Protein backbone atom coordinates (compact mmCIF):
# COMPACT_ATOMS: atom_id res chain seq x y z
CA MET A 1 0.06 -0.02 -0.12
CA LEU A 2 0.96 3.49 -0.34
CA SER A 3 1.13 6.06 2.49
CA SER A 4 -0.64 9.47 1.55
CA ASN A 5 2.76 11.08 1.35
CA THR A 6 0.90 14.34 1.85
CA LYS A 7 3.96 16.67 1.86
CA THR A 8 4.88 16.00 -1.76
CA ARG A 9 1.22 16.02 -2.83
CA LYS A 10 0.52 19.16 -1.25
CA LEU A 11 3.38 20.77 -2.77
CA ILE A 12 2.30 19.35 -6.28
CA LEU A 13 -1.07 20.76 -5.65
CA GLU A 14 -0.40 23.89 -3.71
CA GLY A 15 2.92 24.88 -3.71
CA ASN A 16 4.99 27.61 -5.85
CA LEU A 17 5.38 25.80 -9.36
CA TYR A 18 8.97 26.93 -9.70
CA LYS A 19 9.60 25.07 -6.54
CA VAL A 20 7.61 22.07 -7.74
CA PHE A 21 9.70 21.96 -10.79
CA LEU A 22 13.02 22.10 -8.40
CA VAL A 23 11.61 19.30 -6.40
CA ILE A 24 10.28 17.11 -8.74
CA SER A 25 12.16 17.77 -12.16
CA LEU A 26 15.71 18.30 -10.87
CA PRO A 27 16.08 14.73 -9.53
CA ILE A 28 14.36 13.37 -12.72
CA MET A 29 17.33 15.51 -14.70
CA VAL A 30 19.92 14.32 -12.15
CA SER A 31 18.80 10.64 -12.84
CA ASN A 32 18.71 11.33 -16.72
CA ILE A 33 22.18 12.71 -16.61
CA ILE A 34 23.32 9.74 -14.54
CA GLN A 35 21.61 7.44 -17.44
CA ALA A 36 23.27 9.55 -20.11
CA LEU A 37 26.59 9.16 -18.43
CA TYR A 38 26.24 5.13 -18.34
CA GLU A 39 25.50 5.40 -22.19
CA VAL A 40 28.56 7.76 -22.63
CA ILE A 41 30.76 5.48 -20.36
CA ASP A 42 29.81 2.54 -22.71
CA MET A 43 30.58 4.36 -25.67
CA PHE A 44 33.91 5.58 -23.99
CA TYR A 45 35.00 2.02 -23.20
CA VAL A 46 33.68 0.58 -26.36
CA GLY A 47 35.58 3.34 -28.34
CA LYS A 48 38.88 1.97 -26.94
CA LEU A 49 38.17 -1.35 -28.82
CA GLY A 50 38.35 0.56 -32.27
CA ALA A 51 35.84 2.25 -34.62
CA MET A 52 33.98 -0.97 -35.92
CA ALA A 53 33.14 -1.74 -31.96
CA LEU A 54 31.87 1.79 -31.78
CA ALA A 55 29.91 1.43 -35.03
CA ALA A 56 28.34 -1.62 -33.60
CA LEU A 57 27.33 0.00 -30.48
CA SER A 58 25.71 2.75 -32.44
CA LEU A 59 24.07 0.33 -34.61
CA THR A 60 22.41 -1.53 -31.57
CA GLY A 61 21.39 1.58 -29.97
CA PRO A 62 17.93 1.88 -31.83
CA ILE A 63 17.26 -1.82 -31.76
CA ASN A 64 17.60 -1.59 -27.88
CA PHE A 65 15.41 1.30 -27.77
CA LEU A 66 12.92 -0.79 -29.94
CA ILE A 67 13.11 -3.62 -27.47
CA MET A 68 11.99 -1.25 -24.75
CA VAL A 69 9.15 0.51 -26.15
CA LEU A 70 6.57 -1.68 -24.91
CA ALA A 71 7.59 -1.38 -21.26
CA MET A 72 8.15 2.43 -21.70
CA GLY A 73 4.74 2.76 -23.51
CA MET A 74 2.79 0.82 -20.77
CA ALA A 75 4.71 2.66 -18.06
CA THR A 76 3.81 6.06 -19.79
CA GLY A 77 0.34 5.30 -20.15
CA SER A 78 0.07 4.38 -16.47
CA ILE A 79 1.74 7.26 -15.23
CA SER A 80 -1.47 9.45 -16.20
CA LEU A 81 -3.69 6.99 -14.21
CA MET A 82 -1.50 6.80 -11.22
CA SER A 83 -1.00 10.48 -10.94
CA LYS A 84 -4.68 11.07 -11.09
CA CYS A 85 -5.03 8.49 -8.26
CA ILE A 86 -2.59 10.57 -5.97
CA GLY A 87 -4.51 13.66 -6.98
CA GLU A 88 -7.96 12.18 -5.85
CA GLY A 89 -6.44 10.77 -2.68
CA ALA A 90 -7.25 7.20 -3.76
CA PHE A 91 -4.25 5.60 -2.87
CA SER A 92 -5.36 1.86 -2.74
CA LYS A 93 -6.46 2.26 -6.50
CA PHE A 94 -2.90 3.62 -6.92
CA SER A 95 -1.30 0.54 -5.57
CA ARG A 96 -3.66 -1.55 -7.83
CA TYR A 97 -2.33 0.17 -11.11
CA ALA A 98 1.20 -0.05 -10.08
CA GLY A 99 0.78 -3.67 -9.57
CA GLN A 100 -1.09 -4.07 -13.03
CA LEU A 101 1.85 -2.26 -14.56
CA VAL A 102 4.35 -4.49 -12.98
CA PHE A 103 2.43 -7.64 -14.18
CA LEU A 104 1.48 -6.48 -17.55
CA ASN A 105 5.23 -5.65 -18.28
CA PHE A 106 6.37 -9.01 -17.14
CA ILE A 107 4.44 -10.93 -19.48
CA LEU A 108 5.17 -8.56 -22.30
CA SER A 109 8.97 -8.88 -21.67
CA LEU A 110 8.67 -12.60 -22.18
CA PHE A 111 7.03 -12.11 -25.40
CA VAL A 112 9.37 -9.59 -26.73
CA THR A 113 12.43 -11.92 -25.71
CA ILE A 114 11.19 -14.75 -27.70
CA PHE A 115 10.58 -12.49 -30.85
CA ILE A 116 13.86 -10.80 -30.70
CA LEU A 117 15.75 -14.14 -30.42
CA ILE A 118 13.67 -15.49 -33.40
CA PHE A 119 14.29 -12.38 -35.53
CA ILE A 120 17.61 -11.01 -34.59
CA ASP A 121 19.41 -12.19 -37.74
CA PHE A 122 16.67 -10.66 -40.01
CA ILE A 123 16.72 -7.29 -38.32
CA LEU A 124 20.52 -7.06 -38.84
CA ASP A 125 20.25 -8.37 -42.49
CA PHE A 126 17.36 -5.84 -43.08
CA LEU A 127 19.93 -3.12 -42.18
CA VAL A 128 22.58 -4.34 -44.38
CA VAL A 129 24.96 -5.28 -41.75
CA ARG A 130 27.37 -7.62 -42.64
CA GLY A 131 30.84 -9.25 -41.67
CA GLU A 132 32.61 -8.12 -38.28
CA LEU A 133 30.10 -5.23 -37.79
CA LYS A 134 27.37 -7.90 -37.61
CA GLU A 135 29.13 -10.25 -35.51
CA LEU A 136 30.11 -7.61 -32.96
CA ALA A 137 26.31 -6.53 -32.91
CA LYS A 138 24.95 -9.75 -32.44
CA SER A 139 27.45 -10.49 -29.49
CA TYR A 140 26.03 -7.34 -27.58
CA LEU A 141 22.34 -7.90 -28.53
CA TYR A 142 22.31 -11.52 -27.17
CA VAL A 143 23.37 -10.48 -23.77
CA THR A 144 20.66 -7.50 -23.88
CA ILE A 145 18.00 -10.11 -24.76
CA CYS A 146 18.91 -12.07 -21.68
CA ALA A 147 18.34 -8.93 -19.80
CA ILE A 148 14.99 -8.06 -21.19
CA PRO A 149 12.80 -9.06 -18.18
CA VAL A 150 14.67 -7.31 -15.85
CA MET A 151 14.71 -4.19 -17.89
CA PHE A 152 10.96 -4.02 -18.17
CA LEU A 153 10.66 -4.38 -14.42
CA SER A 154 13.23 -1.52 -13.69
CA ILE A 155 11.52 0.64 -16.18
CA SER A 156 8.26 -0.09 -14.29
CA ILE A 157 9.78 0.85 -10.92
CA ILE A 158 11.07 4.16 -12.00
CA TYR A 159 7.81 5.24 -13.41
CA ILE A 160 5.72 3.98 -10.45
CA LEU A 161 7.80 6.31 -8.28
CA ASN A 162 8.09 9.19 -10.58
CA SER A 163 3.94 9.43 -10.60
CA GLN A 164 4.01 9.54 -6.91
CA GLY A 165 6.68 12.54 -7.06
CA GLU A 166 9.15 10.39 -5.39
CA THR A 167 11.79 11.44 -7.80
CA ILE A 168 14.66 11.45 -5.25
CA ILE A 169 14.15 7.79 -4.43
CA SER A 170 14.39 7.13 -8.26
CA MET A 171 17.31 9.35 -8.61
CA MET A 172 19.10 7.24 -5.79
CA ILE A 173 18.18 3.93 -7.50
CA VAL A 174 19.62 5.05 -10.88
CA LEU A 175 22.76 6.42 -9.24
CA ILE A 176 23.47 2.98 -7.43
CA ALA A 177 22.82 1.14 -10.77
CA ASN A 178 25.24 3.02 -12.80
CA ILE A 179 27.88 3.29 -10.24
CA ILE A 180 27.78 -0.63 -10.64
CA ASN A 181 27.97 -0.29 -14.24
CA PHE A 182 30.93 2.20 -14.13
CA ILE A 183 32.77 -0.41 -12.06
CA LEU A 184 31.90 -3.48 -14.10
CA ASP A 185 32.33 -2.12 -17.47
CA PRO A 186 36.37 -2.18 -17.74
CA ILE A 187 36.47 -5.15 -15.69
CA LEU A 188 34.15 -7.32 -17.89
CA MET A 189 35.28 -5.71 -21.13
CA PHE A 190 39.22 -5.73 -20.58
CA THR A 191 40.14 -7.89 -17.55
CA PHE A 192 37.60 -10.66 -18.51
CA ASN A 193 38.21 -10.17 -22.46
CA LEU A 194 34.56 -10.09 -23.18
CA GLY A 195 34.97 -7.05 -25.32
CA ILE A 196 31.46 -5.17 -26.36
CA ALA A 197 29.83 -7.99 -24.72
CA GLY A 198 31.07 -6.98 -21.52
CA ALA A 199 29.20 -3.62 -21.83
CA ALA A 200 25.81 -5.50 -22.01
CA TRP A 201 26.71 -7.81 -19.16
CA ALA A 202 27.44 -4.68 -17.19
CA THR A 203 24.16 -3.41 -18.11
CA LEU A 204 22.45 -6.42 -16.90
CA PHE A 205 24.03 -6.42 -13.72
CA SER A 206 23.07 -2.63 -13.10
CA LYS A 207 19.54 -3.29 -14.04
CA LEU A 208 19.39 -5.97 -11.30
CA THR A 209 20.86 -3.50 -8.84
CA THR A 210 17.99 -1.26 -9.84
CA VAL A 211 15.31 -4.09 -8.46
CA PHE A 212 17.24 -4.59 -5.46
CA SER A 213 17.73 -1.06 -4.46
CA TYR A 214 14.05 -0.51 -4.81
CA LEU A 215 13.34 -3.30 -2.71
CA PHE A 216 15.74 -2.30 -0.17
CA LEU A 217 14.69 1.36 0.03
CA THR A 218 11.08 0.74 0.14
CA TYR A 219 10.50 -2.41 2.08
CA ARG A 220 13.52 -1.77 4.50
CA LEU A 221 13.58 2.02 4.69
CA ASN A 222 9.74 2.54 4.00
CA ARG A 223 10.36 4.91 1.38
CA GLY A 224 7.53 5.13 -1.30
CA LEU A 225 5.37 2.52 -2.71
CA LYS A 226 5.01 -1.05 -1.41
CA LEU A 227 3.27 -3.54 -3.70
CA GLY A 228 1.49 -6.56 -2.16
CA LEU A 229 0.53 -9.74 -4.03
CA LYS A 230 -2.96 -8.69 -4.35
CA ASP A 231 -1.96 -5.43 -6.26
CA ILE A 232 0.06 -7.92 -8.67
CA THR A 233 -3.22 -10.10 -9.24
CA PRO A 234 -4.47 -9.32 -12.66
CA ASP A 235 -7.30 -6.89 -12.91
CA ILE A 236 -8.95 -6.97 -16.50
CA THR A 237 -10.59 -3.69 -16.24
CA MET A 238 -7.50 -1.83 -15.17
CA ILE A 239 -5.19 -3.73 -17.51
CA ARG A 240 -7.63 -2.43 -20.36
CA ASN A 241 -7.29 0.96 -19.02
CA ILE A 242 -3.46 0.89 -18.98
CA LEU A 243 -3.44 -0.61 -22.42
CA SER A 244 -5.74 2.07 -23.92
CA LEU A 245 -3.26 4.65 -22.93
CA GLY A 246 -0.24 2.54 -23.22
CA LEU A 247 -0.55 1.05 -26.50
CA PRO A 248 -0.71 4.51 -28.41
CA SER A 249 2.42 5.49 -26.25
CA ALA A 250 4.05 2.45 -27.13
CA PHE A 251 3.26 2.56 -30.90
CA GLY A 252 4.66 6.11 -30.90
CA GLN A 253 7.66 5.25 -29.29
CA MET A 254 8.17 2.18 -31.60
CA MET A 255 7.71 4.59 -34.69
CA ILE A 256 10.55 6.38 -33.16
CA SER A 257 12.83 3.48 -32.85
CA ILE A 258 11.73 2.18 -36.48
CA SER A 259 12.74 5.78 -37.66
CA PHE A 260 16.15 5.70 -36.14
CA LEU A 261 16.76 2.22 -37.57
CA ILE A 262 15.95 3.59 -40.93
CA PHE A 263 18.20 6.74 -40.30
CA ASN A 264 21.04 3.88 -39.61
CA TYR A 265 20.51 2.72 -42.94
CA PHE A 266 20.86 6.04 -44.47
CA VAL A 267 23.91 6.80 -42.37
CA ILE A 268 25.67 3.23 -43.16
CA ARG A 269 25.32 4.19 -46.97
CA ILE A 270 27.66 7.15 -46.27
CA SER A 271 30.53 5.35 -44.40
CA PRO A 272 31.23 3.30 -41.02
CA LYS A 273 33.22 6.31 -39.95
CA PHE A 274 30.19 8.63 -40.13
CA LEU A 275 28.21 5.77 -38.61
CA ALA A 276 30.70 5.96 -35.60
CA ALA A 277 30.29 9.86 -35.66
CA TYR A 278 26.77 9.59 -35.56
CA GLY A 279 26.52 7.20 -32.86
CA LEU A 280 28.83 9.28 -30.64
CA THR A 281 27.37 12.54 -31.20
CA ASN A 282 24.00 11.09 -30.38
CA SER A 283 25.20 10.27 -26.84
CA ILE A 284 26.58 13.63 -26.63
CA ILE A 285 22.96 15.10 -27.91
CA ALA A 286 21.48 12.93 -25.22
CA PHE A 287 22.57 15.30 -22.70
CA LEU A 288 21.26 18.24 -24.51
CA LEU A 289 17.77 16.79 -24.37
CA LEU A 290 17.62 16.07 -20.73
CA PRO A 291 16.57 19.49 -19.23
CA GLY A 292 13.48 19.59 -21.46
CA MET A 293 12.69 15.88 -20.91
CA SER A 294 13.05 16.19 -17.30
CA ILE A 295 10.64 18.95 -17.01
CA GLY A 296 8.25 17.16 -19.30
CA THR A 297 8.39 14.04 -17.32
CA GLY A 298 7.65 16.19 -14.16
CA ILE A 299 4.88 18.12 -15.85
CA ILE A 300 3.00 14.68 -16.46
CA SER A 301 2.80 14.00 -12.69
CA ILE A 302 1.91 17.71 -12.03
CA VAL A 303 -0.71 17.80 -14.56
CA GLY A 304 -2.17 14.22 -13.65
CA GLN A 305 -2.44 14.92 -10.03
CA ASN A 306 -4.06 18.22 -10.52
CA LEU A 307 -6.43 17.06 -12.79
CA GLY A 308 -7.22 14.19 -10.37
CA ALA A 309 -7.66 17.13 -7.76
CA LYS A 310 -9.91 19.12 -9.86
CA ASN A 311 -7.20 21.86 -9.82
CA ILE A 312 -7.87 22.72 -13.37
CA ALA A 313 -6.43 26.40 -13.61
CA ARG A 314 -3.25 25.12 -12.05
CA VAL A 315 -2.62 22.74 -15.21
CA GLY A 316 -2.23 25.62 -17.79
CA ASP A 317 0.08 27.76 -15.20
CA ALA A 318 2.33 24.76 -14.95
CA LEU A 319 2.53 24.49 -18.63
CA LYS A 320 3.54 28.12 -19.10
CA LYS A 321 5.91 28.18 -16.53
CA GLY A 322 7.59 24.82 -17.44
CA PHE A 323 8.17 26.34 -21.04
CA PHE A 324 10.09 29.16 -19.85
CA VAL A 325 12.02 27.29 -17.43
CA SER A 326 13.08 24.91 -20.44
CA LEU A 327 13.74 27.82 -22.66
CA VAL A 328 16.19 29.19 -20.20
CA VAL A 329 18.04 26.05 -19.30
CA LEU A 330 18.15 24.80 -22.90
CA PHE A 331 19.60 27.95 -24.26
CA THR A 332 22.25 27.86 -21.80
CA VAL A 333 23.27 24.16 -22.07
CA ASN A 334 23.05 24.09 -25.75
CA SER A 335 25.17 27.13 -26.26
CA PHE A 336 28.07 25.81 -24.10
CA ILE A 337 28.02 22.35 -26.03
CA ILE A 338 28.26 24.23 -29.32
CA PHE A 339 31.00 26.35 -28.13
CA PHE A 340 33.10 23.26 -26.73
CA ARG A 341 31.90 20.65 -29.27
CA GLU A 342 35.24 19.62 -30.72
CA VAL A 343 37.04 19.51 -27.04
CA ILE A 344 34.24 17.33 -26.07
CA ILE A 345 34.43 15.01 -29.12
CA ARG A 346 38.12 14.65 -28.73
CA VAL A 347 37.34 13.02 -25.19
CA PHE A 348 35.83 9.84 -27.11
CA THR A 349 37.93 9.26 -30.29
CA ASP A 350 41.28 10.53 -31.58
CA ASP A 351 40.32 9.30 -35.28
CA LEU A 352 40.21 12.47 -37.38
CA GLU A 353 37.53 11.60 -39.82
CA VAL A 354 35.14 10.61 -37.05
CA ILE A 355 35.98 13.76 -35.28
CA ASN A 356 35.30 15.92 -38.49
CA TYR A 357 32.08 14.16 -39.15
CA ALA A 358 30.88 14.67 -35.50
CA ASN A 359 32.02 18.06 -35.32
CA ASN A 360 29.61 19.36 -37.94
CA TYR A 361 26.58 17.07 -36.98
CA LEU A 362 26.96 18.24 -33.42
CA LEU A 363 26.45 21.50 -34.29
CA LEU A 364 23.39 20.80 -36.05
CA ALA A 365 21.96 18.60 -33.86
CA SER A 366 22.64 21.21 -30.74
CA ILE A 367 20.38 23.66 -32.66
CA GLY A 368 17.81 21.15 -33.41
CA ALA A 369 17.80 19.78 -29.71
CA VAL A 370 16.29 23.29 -28.45
CA GLY A 371 13.33 22.67 -30.51
CA TYR A 372 13.05 19.02 -29.40
CA GLY A 373 13.47 20.03 -25.78
CA LEU A 374 10.86 22.60 -25.74
CA GLN A 375 8.30 20.09 -27.10
CA GLN A 376 8.72 17.84 -23.94
CA GLY A 377 6.89 19.85 -21.46
CA PHE A 378 3.74 20.11 -23.97
CA PHE A 379 3.79 16.56 -24.47
CA GLY A 380 3.94 15.86 -20.79
CA GLY A 381 0.87 17.91 -20.37
CA LEU A 382 -0.81 15.91 -23.20
CA ILE A 383 0.28 12.66 -21.36
CA GLY A 384 -0.85 13.87 -18.06
CA ALA A 385 -4.07 14.39 -19.37
CA GLY A 386 -4.33 10.89 -20.81
CA LEU A 387 -4.11 12.18 -24.50
CA THR A 388 -1.56 9.63 -25.46
CA ASN A 389 -3.43 8.97 -28.95
CA LEU A 390 -2.75 12.79 -29.86
CA VAL A 391 0.92 12.37 -28.91
CA MET A 392 1.45 9.31 -31.03
CA ILE A 393 -0.08 11.25 -33.92
CA LEU A 394 2.37 14.17 -33.40
CA VAL A 395 5.38 11.81 -32.93
CA CYS A 396 4.48 10.30 -36.22
CA ILE A 397 4.04 13.43 -38.02
CA ARG A 398 7.40 14.57 -36.73
CA LEU A 399 9.14 11.61 -37.58
CA TRP A 400 7.40 10.18 -40.82
CA ILE A 401 5.69 13.13 -42.29
CA ILE A 402 8.56 15.42 -41.79
CA ARG A 403 11.95 14.25 -40.81
CA LEU A 404 12.38 11.14 -42.91
CA PRO A 405 11.01 12.80 -46.11
CA ALA A 406 13.30 15.80 -45.42
CA VAL A 407 16.41 13.15 -45.04
CA ILE A 408 15.39 11.84 -48.48
CA VAL A 409 15.28 15.19 -50.24
CA PHE A 410 18.32 16.47 -48.84
CA GLN A 411 20.49 13.20 -49.93
CA TYR A 412 18.59 13.24 -53.40
CA PHE A 413 20.11 16.80 -54.11
CA GLY A 414 23.34 15.60 -52.82
CA ILE A 415 23.53 16.84 -49.32
CA MET A 416 24.67 13.56 -47.56
CA GLU A 417 26.42 14.00 -44.24
CA ASP A 418 24.49 17.20 -43.30
CA SER A 419 20.92 15.50 -44.31
CA LEU A 420 20.22 14.35 -40.97
CA GLY A 421 21.03 17.42 -38.91
CA TYR A 422 18.98 19.69 -41.11
CA ALA A 423 16.10 17.26 -41.06
CA PHE A 424 16.49 17.15 -37.32
CA ILE A 425 16.21 20.77 -37.03
CA ILE A 426 13.14 21.29 -39.46
CA SER A 427 11.24 18.36 -37.76
CA ASN A 428 11.57 19.52 -34.30
CA TYR A 429 10.55 23.25 -34.75
CA VAL A 430 7.55 22.49 -36.81
CA THR A 431 6.34 19.97 -34.27
CA PHE A 432 6.96 22.54 -31.50
CA ILE A 433 4.87 25.17 -33.49
CA ILE A 434 2.04 22.57 -33.67
CA LEU A 435 2.13 21.75 -29.97
CA LEU A 436 2.23 25.60 -28.98
CA CYS A 437 -0.86 26.16 -30.94
CA LEU A 438 -2.51 23.05 -29.62
CA THR A 439 -1.80 24.46 -25.99
CA PHE A 440 -3.53 27.61 -26.74
CA THR A 441 -6.69 25.53 -27.02
CA LYS A 442 -6.88 24.61 -23.33
CA TYR A 443 -7.34 21.09 -23.93
CA TRP A 444 -7.09 20.16 -20.39
CA GLU A 445 -10.33 22.12 -19.68
CA LYS A 446 -12.36 19.74 -21.70
CA PRO A 447 -13.79 16.64 -20.36
CA GLN A 448 -11.82 13.54 -21.05
């Protein structure tokens, strides 16, 4: 069962919104920074194995994301339902929804594991991956497949905690897990000579740490949610509610992952060195997206809880203030990255061709990242209101109607290396304008 946790709930429903963003979104941002550091650490150590291993890790990134989309989709759909329960003060109902999320994601993880095991060769062949690159990618992915149930459970745990506003606990859990990953990466990769597969094993052990840390913090230290067996017992009505919100979210995120697999196809056509630069740069760009994403994740809980408490006017105020906070932070962080981009890139590789490719792409992607970050607060409002169908549509428009055709057009006219950067900029700012116009309609005031 969940204690009322009146202090955090009262802050979200009644407190100064800038303080709410600080208390709720800052720990999320720290968690996301830690998570991004984990990816950079993997990239750093794998880079020591050579450009081919770095390219293999870059290639598997979208595949890993595709594996995770169902868990993330169900969790994203559930967070609106759970947050509204908190706002209503229906804490027993909250625990039931949390239990159903854990049950549903566990079942889905089994299906995904079997599916990927069967089709892994087909996926790599579809991406025209051959020779050494294919063998390196497979050695990494086979370990990742073993970790799928644990990864699904860890995703559920983090979303359950965030929906309560217990973002400090989730931050602590992520920190502990990534310290384990940081320690294990070089040991498994180099001391035990596991190569790129060692990075995957380190990830598996770190995700197990997430689960054990959650159990210790909640059951031993009495922090946050405690699930009972009755909460995990299947409830068809609640599962249907989660699926109604989670499937559109999962589909939208699946479209993101598939689009990046296709973008990888366009990248591979250029050269393996550009693929390495593309993956390296995307790991850096992940940091630029964190402020907007963190504020957007916080807004989901803020909007959900206030809608549950019938505190409608506060929703619009939260979206407005979240936008201005995002704007200031994004402009500051992206300016820093643009100015020092070559210095940052040289930390990860000394290959001059990779450096030149990455330097130019990072400039374009940094400009586009501001538009992406500004979207996230508005997406958070839509998710908090339960409008995941609309989020799915907008994500598909951004990727499939705008970005992918833009890449094709640019490459048709001979703009190869810069095509993805230009398309990233155009698609993000067009989608941001659409979201801004949608927010002016005050959709949260309409009955859902």
